Amino acid sequence: MTLVSRELNPLQKRESRFRSPRLIIIATEGEVTEKQYFEMRFLRNSKVKLLILETTDGRSAPQYVIERLDEYRKKNELDKDDHMWIVIDRDRWKEKQLINLVENIQKNYYKLALSNPRFELWLLLHHRDVKSDENLKGRNKIEVEIRKLTGEFNKGNLKEEHYMESYQQAILRARILDDNPSESWQKRNGTRVYQVIEDILDL
């Protein structure tokens, strides 16, 4: 799928013959934590240019997250090898909102990485196994678990050393939880952020 911008300035134009690296755009529900994680040094790949479209002004509902991708796509030229991801949580949104989100994603060839209950589950998987039926729905429960294992946790100031040596274990643990990949999102504890990481690192 090749998408052409209506208006491109010279800095936005990219010649496909010489175009490298490929582009991965991630629209996140969160304002701080996700952006910090995805921009950590151990996720840098010379073959990939990463752009994070984080939430601003509290506009974190699914329709606003997808609007950010829509707006970016209208203004920029994308190649068939570029990928556009939506990274969102399950805990705050009604099922109808998520169904509408999935319909829009399928229509626009976007990719969904939903975490149930929240993105912080992905961070916890760097440090220990999680059971699919484990009770993690308390607002601060996952943060408390991470703090027990690392000695600290501040979602506004993630420490790269807590994640850089264990992201591969997190991928394996997330895959185990993803026992029904055909579902649009996981109904129990789980996160498909691992698919974004695999995409960034071209695994």
C-alpha atoms as a PDB file:
ATOM      1  CA  MET A   1       0.000   0.000   0.000  1.00  0.00           C
ATOM      2  CA  THR A   2       1.506   3.308  -1.088  1.00  0.00           C
ATOM      3  CA  LEU A   3      -0.055   6.441   0.309  1.00  0.00           C
ATOM      4  CA  VAL A   4       0.634   9.840  -1.220  1.00  0.00           C
ATOM      5  CA  SER A   5       0.373  13.090   0.671  1.00  0.00           C
ATOM      6  CA  ARG A   6      -1.775  15.920  -0.638  1.00  0.00           C
ATOM      7  CA  GLU A   7       0.941  18.455   0.169  1.00  0.00           C
ATOM      8  CA  LEU A   8       4.556  17.559   0.803  1.00  0.00           C
ATOM      9  CA  ASN A   9       7.319  19.972   1.652  1.00  0.00           C
ATOM     10  CA  PRO A  10      10.878  19.102   0.521  1.00  0.00           C
ATOM     11  CA  LEU A  11      11.840  17.722   3.915  1.00  0.00           C
ATOM     12  CA  GLN A  12       8.904  15.332   3.851  1.00  0.00           C
ATOM     13  CA  LYS A  13       9.579  13.970   0.353  1.00  0.00           C
ATOM     14  CA  ARG A  14      11.509  10.755   0.286  1.00  0.00           C
ATOM     15  CA  GLU A  15      12.808   9.048  -2.805  1.00  0.00           C
ATOM     16  CA  SER A  16      11.705   5.410  -2.631  1.00  0.00           C
ATOM     17  CA  ARG A  17      14.776   4.106  -4.515  1.00  0.00           C
ATOM     18  CA  PHE A  18      17.108   5.315  -1.802  1.00  0.00           C
ATOM     19  CA  ARG A  19      14.704   5.250   1.086  1.00  0.00           C
ATOM     20  CA  SER A  20      16.166   3.780   4.179  1.00  0.00           C
ATOM     21  CA  PRO A  21      15.321   3.274   6.948  1.00  0.00           C
ATOM     22  CA  ARG A  22      11.710   2.188   6.872  1.00  0.00           C
ATOM     23  CA  LEU A  23       9.284   4.119   9.049  1.00  0.00           C
ATOM     24  CA  ILE A  24       7.320   2.913  12.078  1.00  0.00           C
ATOM     25  CA  ILE A  25       4.756   5.333  13.498  1.00  0.00           C
ATOM     26  CA  ILE A  26       3.271   4.582  16.917  1.00  0.00           C
ATOM     27  CA  ALA A  27       0.235   6.434  18.265  1.00  0.00           C
ATOM     28  CA  THR A  28      -0.024   5.893  22.021  1.00  0.00           C
ATOM     29  CA  GLU A  29      -2.800   6.314  24.537  1.00  0.00           C
ATOM     30  CA  GLY A  30      -0.389   7.438  27.234  1.00  0.00           C
ATOM     31  CA  GLU A  31       1.335  10.792  27.363  1.00  0.00           C
ATOM     32  CA  VAL A  32       4.666   9.806  28.928  1.00  0.00           C
ATOM     33  CA  THR A  33       5.434   6.173  29.767  1.00  0.00           C
ATOM     34  CA  GLU A  34       5.067   4.582  26.332  1.00  0.00           C
ATOM     35  CA  LYS A  35       7.104   7.276  24.597  1.00  0.00           C
ATOM     36  CA  GLN A  36       9.923   6.892  27.114  1.00  0.00           C
ATOM     37  CA  TYR A  37      10.044   3.145  26.633  1.00  0.00           C
ATOM     38  CA  PHE A  38       9.952   3.112  22.835  1.00  0.00           C
ATOM     39  CA  GLU A  39      12.722   5.701  22.663  1.00  0.00           C
ATOM     40  CA  MET A  40      15.153   3.734  24.831  1.00  0.00           C
ATOM     41  CA  ARG A  41      18.557   3.179  23.265  1.00  0.00           C
ATOM     42  CA  PHE A  42      18.357  -0.608  23.152  1.00  0.00           C
ATOM     43  CA  LEU A  43      15.433  -0.352  20.719  1.00  0.00           C
ATOM     44  CA  ARG A  44      17.346   1.727  18.195  1.00  0.00           C
ATOM     45  CA  ASN A  45      17.700   0.059  14.825  1.00  0.00           C
ATOM     46  CA  SER A  46      19.576   1.635  11.930  1.00  0.00           C
ATOM     47  CA  LYS A  47      17.057   0.104   9.530  1.00  0.00           C
ATOM     48  CA  VAL A  48      14.075   1.731  11.235  1.00  0.00           C
ATOM     49  CA  LYS A  49      13.056   5.327  11.843  1.00  0.00           C
ATOM     50  CA  LEU A  50      10.679   5.515  14.792  1.00  0.00           C
ATOM     51  CA  LEU A  51       8.088   8.246  15.341  1.00  0.00           C
ATOM     52  CA  ILE A  52       5.917   8.391  18.484  1.00  0.00           C
ATOM     53  CA  LEU A  53       2.609  10.275  18.374  1.00  0.00           C
ATOM     54  CA  GLU A  54       1.827  10.509  22.061  1.00  0.00           C
ATOM     55  CA  THR A  55      -1.378  11.784  23.655  1.00  0.00           C
ATOM     56  CA  THR A  56      -1.551  15.499  24.463  1.00  0.00           C
ATOM     57  CA  ASP A  57      -4.189  17.526  26.316  1.00  0.00           C
ATOM     58  CA  GLY A  58      -5.747  14.364  27.724  1.00  0.00           C
ATOM     59  CA  ARG A  59      -7.060  13.233  24.313  1.00  0.00           C
ATOM     60  CA  SER A  60      -6.441   9.539  24.993  1.00  0.00           C
ATOM     61  CA  ALA A  61      -9.736   7.932  23.940  1.00  0.00           C
ATOM     62  CA  PRO A  62      -9.394   5.391  21.091  1.00  0.00           C
ATOM     63  CA  GLN A  63     -10.946   7.697  18.486  1.00  0.00           C
ATOM     64  CA  TYR A  64      -8.346  10.391  19.238  1.00  0.00           C
ATOM     65  CA  VAL A  65      -5.457   7.942  19.080  1.00  0.00           C
ATOM     66  CA  ILE A  66      -6.528   6.768  15.643  1.00  0.00           C
ATOM     67  CA  GLU A  67      -7.119  10.368  14.509  1.00  0.00           C
ATOM     68  CA  ARG A  68      -3.421  11.059  15.083  1.00  0.00           C
ATOM     69  CA  LEU A  69      -2.467   8.325  12.647  1.00  0.00           C
ATOM     70  CA  ASP A  70      -5.073   9.519  10.158  1.00  0.00           C
ATOM     71  CA  GLU A  71      -3.722  13.062  10.313  1.00  0.00           C
ATOM     72  CA  TYR A  72      -0.121  11.946   9.911  1.00  0.00           C
ATOM     73  CA  ARG A  73      -0.975   9.772   6.935  1.00  0.00           C
ATOM     74  CA  LYS A  74      -2.767  12.629   5.182  1.00  0.00           C
ATOM     75  CA  LYS A  75       0.246  14.918   5.484  1.00  0.00           C
ATOM     76  CA  ASN A  76       3.089  12.506   4.736  1.00  0.00           C
ATOM     77  CA  GLU A  77       4.170  10.080   2.069  1.00  0.00           C
ATOM     78  CA  LEU A  78       4.297   6.485   3.267  1.00  0.00           C
ATOM     79  CA  ASP A  79       5.747   3.413   1.658  1.00  0.00           C
ATOM     80  CA  LYS A  80       4.286  -0.100   1.643  1.00  0.00           C
ATOM     81  CA  ASP A  81       6.997  -1.197   4.101  1.00  0.00           C
ATOM     82  CA  ASP A  82       6.083   1.481   6.655  1.00  0.00           C
ATOM     83  CA  HIS A  83       3.956   0.374   9.597  1.00  0.00           C
ATOM     84  CA  MET A  84       1.493   2.353  11.707  1.00  0.00           C
ATOM     85  CA  TRP A  85       0.726   1.067  15.202  1.00  0.00           C
ATOM     86  CA  ILE A  86      -1.878   1.948  17.810  1.00  0.00           C
ATOM     87  CA  VAL A  87      -0.747   1.223  21.381  1.00  0.00           C
ATOM     88  CA  ILE A  88      -3.676   1.385  23.761  1.00  0.00           C
ATOM     89  CA  ASP A  89      -4.916  -0.023  27.092  1.00  0.00           C
ATOM     90  CA  ARG A  90      -7.997  -2.116  27.763  1.00  0.00           C
ATOM     91  CA  ASP A  91      -8.882  -0.992  31.266  1.00  0.00           C
ATOM     92  CA  ARG A  92     -10.638   2.355  30.670  1.00  0.00           C
ATOM     93  CA  TRP A  93     -12.597   1.724  27.494  1.00  0.00           C
ATOM     94  CA  LYS A  94     -15.935   0.106  26.798  1.00  0.00           C
ATOM     95  CA  GLU A  95     -16.108  -2.866  24.461  1.00  0.00           C
ATOM     96  CA  LYS A  96     -18.089  -0.871  21.894  1.00  0.00           C
ATOM     97  CA  GLN A  97     -15.283   1.688  21.677  1.00  0.00           C
ATOM     98  CA  LEU A  98     -12.763  -1.077  21.068  1.00  0.00           C
ATOM     99  CA  ILE A  99     -14.943  -2.734  18.430  1.00  0.00           C
ATOM    100  CA  ASN A 100     -15.156   0.586  16.560  1.00  0.00           C
ATOM    101  CA  LEU A 101     -11.398   0.968  16.918  1.00  0.00           C
ATOM    102  CA  VAL A 102     -10.745  -2.484  15.442  1.00  0.00           C
ATOM    103  CA  GLU A 103     -13.039  -1.721  12.497  1.00  0.00           C
ATOM    104  CA  ASN A 104     -11.107   1.474  11.745  1.00  0.00           C
ATOM    105  CA  ILE A 105      -7.784  -0.298  12.114  1.00  0.00           C
ATOM    106  CA  GLN A 106      -8.743  -3.020   9.658  1.00  0.00           C
ATOM    107  CA  LYS A 107     -10.065  -0.482   7.173  1.00  0.00           C
ATOM    108  CA  ASN A 108      -6.872   1.583   7.274  1.00  0.00           C
ATOM    109  CA  TYR A 109      -4.341  -1.251   7.538  1.00  0.00           C
ATOM    110  CA  TYR A 110      -3.158  -0.048  10.923  1.00  0.00           C
ATOM    111  CA  LYS A 111      -1.820  -2.474  13.547  1.00  0.00           C
ATOM    112  CA  LEU A 112      -3.148  -2.794  17.099  1.00  0.00           C
ATOM    113  CA  ALA A 113      -1.078  -3.546  20.204  1.00  0.00           C
ATOM    114  CA  LEU A 114      -3.545  -3.545  23.084  1.00  0.00           C
ATOM    115  CA  SER A 115      -2.494  -4.247  26.668  1.00  0.00           C
ATOM    116  CA  ASN A 116      -4.923  -5.778  29.135  1.00  0.00           C
ATOM    117  CA  PRO A 117      -5.181  -4.221  31.613  1.00  0.00           C
ATOM    118  CA  ARG A 118      -2.489  -1.577  30.873  1.00  0.00           C
ATOM    119  CA  PHE A 119       0.829  -0.879  29.156  1.00  0.00           C
ATOM    120  CA  GLU A 120       2.621  -1.308  32.475  1.00  0.00           C
ATOM    121  CA  LEU A 121       1.927  -5.047  32.186  1.00  0.00           C
ATOM    122  CA  TRP A 122       4.508  -5.077  29.376  1.00  0.00           C
ATOM    123  CA  LEU A 123       7.012  -3.477  31.750  1.00  0.00           C
ATOM    124  CA  LEU A 124       6.249  -6.051  34.448  1.00  0.00           C
ATOM    125  CA  LEU A 125       6.893  -8.892  31.991  1.00  0.00           C
ATOM    126  CA  HIS A 126      10.526  -7.778  31.834  1.00  0.00           C
ATOM    127  CA  HIS A 127      10.866  -8.922  35.437  1.00  0.00           C
ATOM    128  CA  ARG A 128       8.585 -11.928  35.996  1.00  0.00           C
ATOM    129  CA  ASP A 129       5.998 -14.282  34.583  1.00  0.00           C
ATOM    130  CA  VAL A 130       2.350 -13.249  34.751  1.00  0.00           C
ATOM    131  CA  LYS A 131      -0.601 -15.628  34.889  1.00  0.00           C
ATOM    132  CA  SER A 132      -3.451 -14.950  32.486  1.00  0.00           C
ATOM    133  CA  ASP A 133      -5.967 -14.910  35.361  1.00  0.00           C
ATOM    134  CA  GLU A 134      -3.811 -13.030  37.875  1.00  0.00           C
ATOM    135  CA  ASN A 135      -5.568 -10.095  39.500  1.00  0.00           C
ATOM    136  CA  LEU A 136      -3.723  -7.007  38.259  1.00  0.00           C
ATOM    137  CA  LYS A 137      -6.625  -4.611  37.843  1.00  0.00           C
ATOM    138  CA  GLY A 138      -6.021  -2.374  40.844  1.00  0.00           C
ATOM    139  CA  ARG A 139      -4.940   1.039  39.589  1.00  0.00           C
ATOM    140  CA  ASN A 140      -1.467   0.842  41.124  1.00  0.00           C
ATOM    141  CA  LYS A 141      -1.101  -2.914  41.496  1.00  0.00           C
ATOM    142  CA  ILE A 142       1.250  -3.417  38.541  1.00  0.00           C
ATOM    143  CA  GLU A 143       3.380  -0.451  39.592  1.00  0.00           C
ATOM    144  CA  VAL A 144       3.684  -1.935  43.099  1.00  0.00           C
ATOM    145  CA  GLU A 145       4.826  -5.242  41.608  1.00  0.00           C
ATOM    146  CA  ILE A 146       7.460  -3.557  39.444  1.00  0.00           C
ATOM    147  CA  ARG A 147       8.691  -1.536  42.405  1.00  0.00           C
ATOM    148  CA  LYS A 148       9.099  -4.708  44.474  1.00  0.00           C
ATOM    149  CA  LEU A 149      11.264  -6.259  41.775  1.00  0.00           C
ATOM    150  CA  THR A 150      13.369  -3.251  40.773  1.00  0.00           C
ATOM    151  CA  GLY A 151      13.425  -1.192  43.954  1.00  0.00           C
ATOM    152  CA  GLU A 152      11.757   1.790  42.277  1.00  0.00           C
ATOM    153  CA  PHE A 153       9.199   2.757  39.679  1.00  0.00           C
ATOM    154  CA  ASN A 154       8.232   6.153  38.327  1.00  0.00           C
ATOM    155  CA  LYS A 155       6.117   6.009  35.178  1.00  0.00           C
ATOM    156  CA  GLY A 156       7.311   9.511  34.319  1.00  0.00           C
ATOM    157  CA  ASN A 157      10.987   8.548  34.627  1.00  0.00           C
ATOM    158  CA  LEU A 158      11.643   4.989  33.448  1.00  0.00           C
ATOM    159  CA  LYS A 159      15.144   3.649  34.004  1.00  0.00           C
ATOM    160  CA  GLU A 160      16.536   1.964  30.913  1.00  0.00           C
ATOM    161  CA  GLU A 161      18.696  -0.420  32.936  1.00  0.00           C
ATOM    162  CA  HIS A 162      15.527  -2.049  34.251  1.00  0.00           C
ATOM    163  CA  TYR A 163      14.502  -3.164  30.755  1.00  0.00           C
ATOM    164  CA  MET A 164      17.445  -3.349  28.370  1.00  0.00           C
ATOM    165  CA  GLU A 165      18.687  -6.777  29.483  1.00  0.00           C
ATOM    166  CA  SER A 166      15.280  -8.440  29.740  1.00  0.00           C
ATOM    167  CA  TYR A 167      13.192  -7.371  26.742  1.00  0.00           C
ATOM    168  CA  GLN A 168      13.670 -10.756  25.073  1.00  0.00           C
ATOM    169  CA  GLN A 169      12.277 -12.505  28.152  1.00  0.00           C
ATOM    170  CA  ALA A 170       9.355 -10.067  28.070  1.00  0.00           C
ATOM    171  CA  ILE A 171       8.664 -11.033  24.451  1.00  0.00           C
ATOM    172  CA  LEU A 172       8.635 -14.730  25.334  1.00  0.00           C
ATOM    173  CA  ARG A 173       6.368 -14.175  28.335  1.00  0.00           C
ATOM    174  CA  ALA A 174       3.973 -12.043  26.291  1.00  0.00           C
ATOM    175  CA  ARG A 175       3.815 -14.700  23.581  1.00  0.00           C
ATOM    176  CA  ILE A 176       2.841 -17.305  26.165  1.00  0.00           C
ATOM    177  CA  LEU A 177      -0.018 -15.095  27.376  1.00  0.00           C
ATOM    178  CA  ASP A 178      -1.149 -14.541  23.784  1.00  0.00           C
ATOM    179  CA  ASP A 179      -2.864 -17.926  23.555  1.00  0.00           C
ATOM    180  CA  ASN A 180      -5.471 -16.867  20.993  1.00  0.00           C
ATOM    181  CA  PRO A 181      -3.774 -14.621  18.386  1.00  0.00           C
ATOM    182  CA  SER A 182      -6.885 -14.598  16.190  1.00  0.00           C
ATOM    183  CA  GLU A 183      -8.715 -12.444  18.743  1.00  0.00           C
ATOM    184  CA  SER A 184      -8.638  -8.702  18.091  1.00  0.00           C
ATOM    185  CA  TRP A 185      -7.536  -8.175  21.680  1.00  0.00           C
ATOM    186  CA  GLN A 186      -6.799 -10.374  24.662  1.00  0.00           C
ATOM    187  CA  LYS A 187      -9.693 -10.826  27.061  1.00  0.00           C
ATOM    188  CA  ARG A 188      -7.445 -11.782  29.984  1.00  0.00           C
ATOM    189  CA  ASN A 189      -4.035 -10.525  31.069  1.00  0.00           C
ATOM    190  CA  GLY A 190      -1.873  -9.956  28.036  1.00  0.00           C
ATOM    191  CA  THR A 191      -0.162  -7.439  25.798  1.00  0.00           C
ATOM    192  CA  ARG A 192       0.726  -7.364  22.137  1.00  0.00           C
ATOM    193  CA  VAL A 193       3.361  -4.688  22.623  1.00  0.00           C
ATOM    194  CA  TYR A 194       5.799  -7.530  21.977  1.00  0.00           C
ATOM    195  CA  GLN A 195       4.727  -7.400  18.316  1.00  0.00           C
ATOM    196  CA  VAL A 196       5.727  -3.734  18.135  1.00  0.00           C
ATOM    197  CA  ILE A 197       9.137  -4.542  19.602  1.00  0.00           C
ATOM    198  CA  GLU A 198       9.637  -7.341  17.095  1.00  0.00           C
ATOM    199  CA  ASP A 199       8.678  -4.927  14.319  1.00  0.00           C
ATOM    200  CA  ILE A 200      11.113  -2.246  15.502  1.00  0.00           C
ATOM    201  CA  LEU A 201      13.989  -4.691  15.839  1.00  0.00           C
ATOM    202  CA  ASP A 202      13.003  -6.528  12.668  1.00  0.00           C
ATOM    203  CA  LEU A 203      12.914  -9.857  14.536  1.00  0.00           C
END
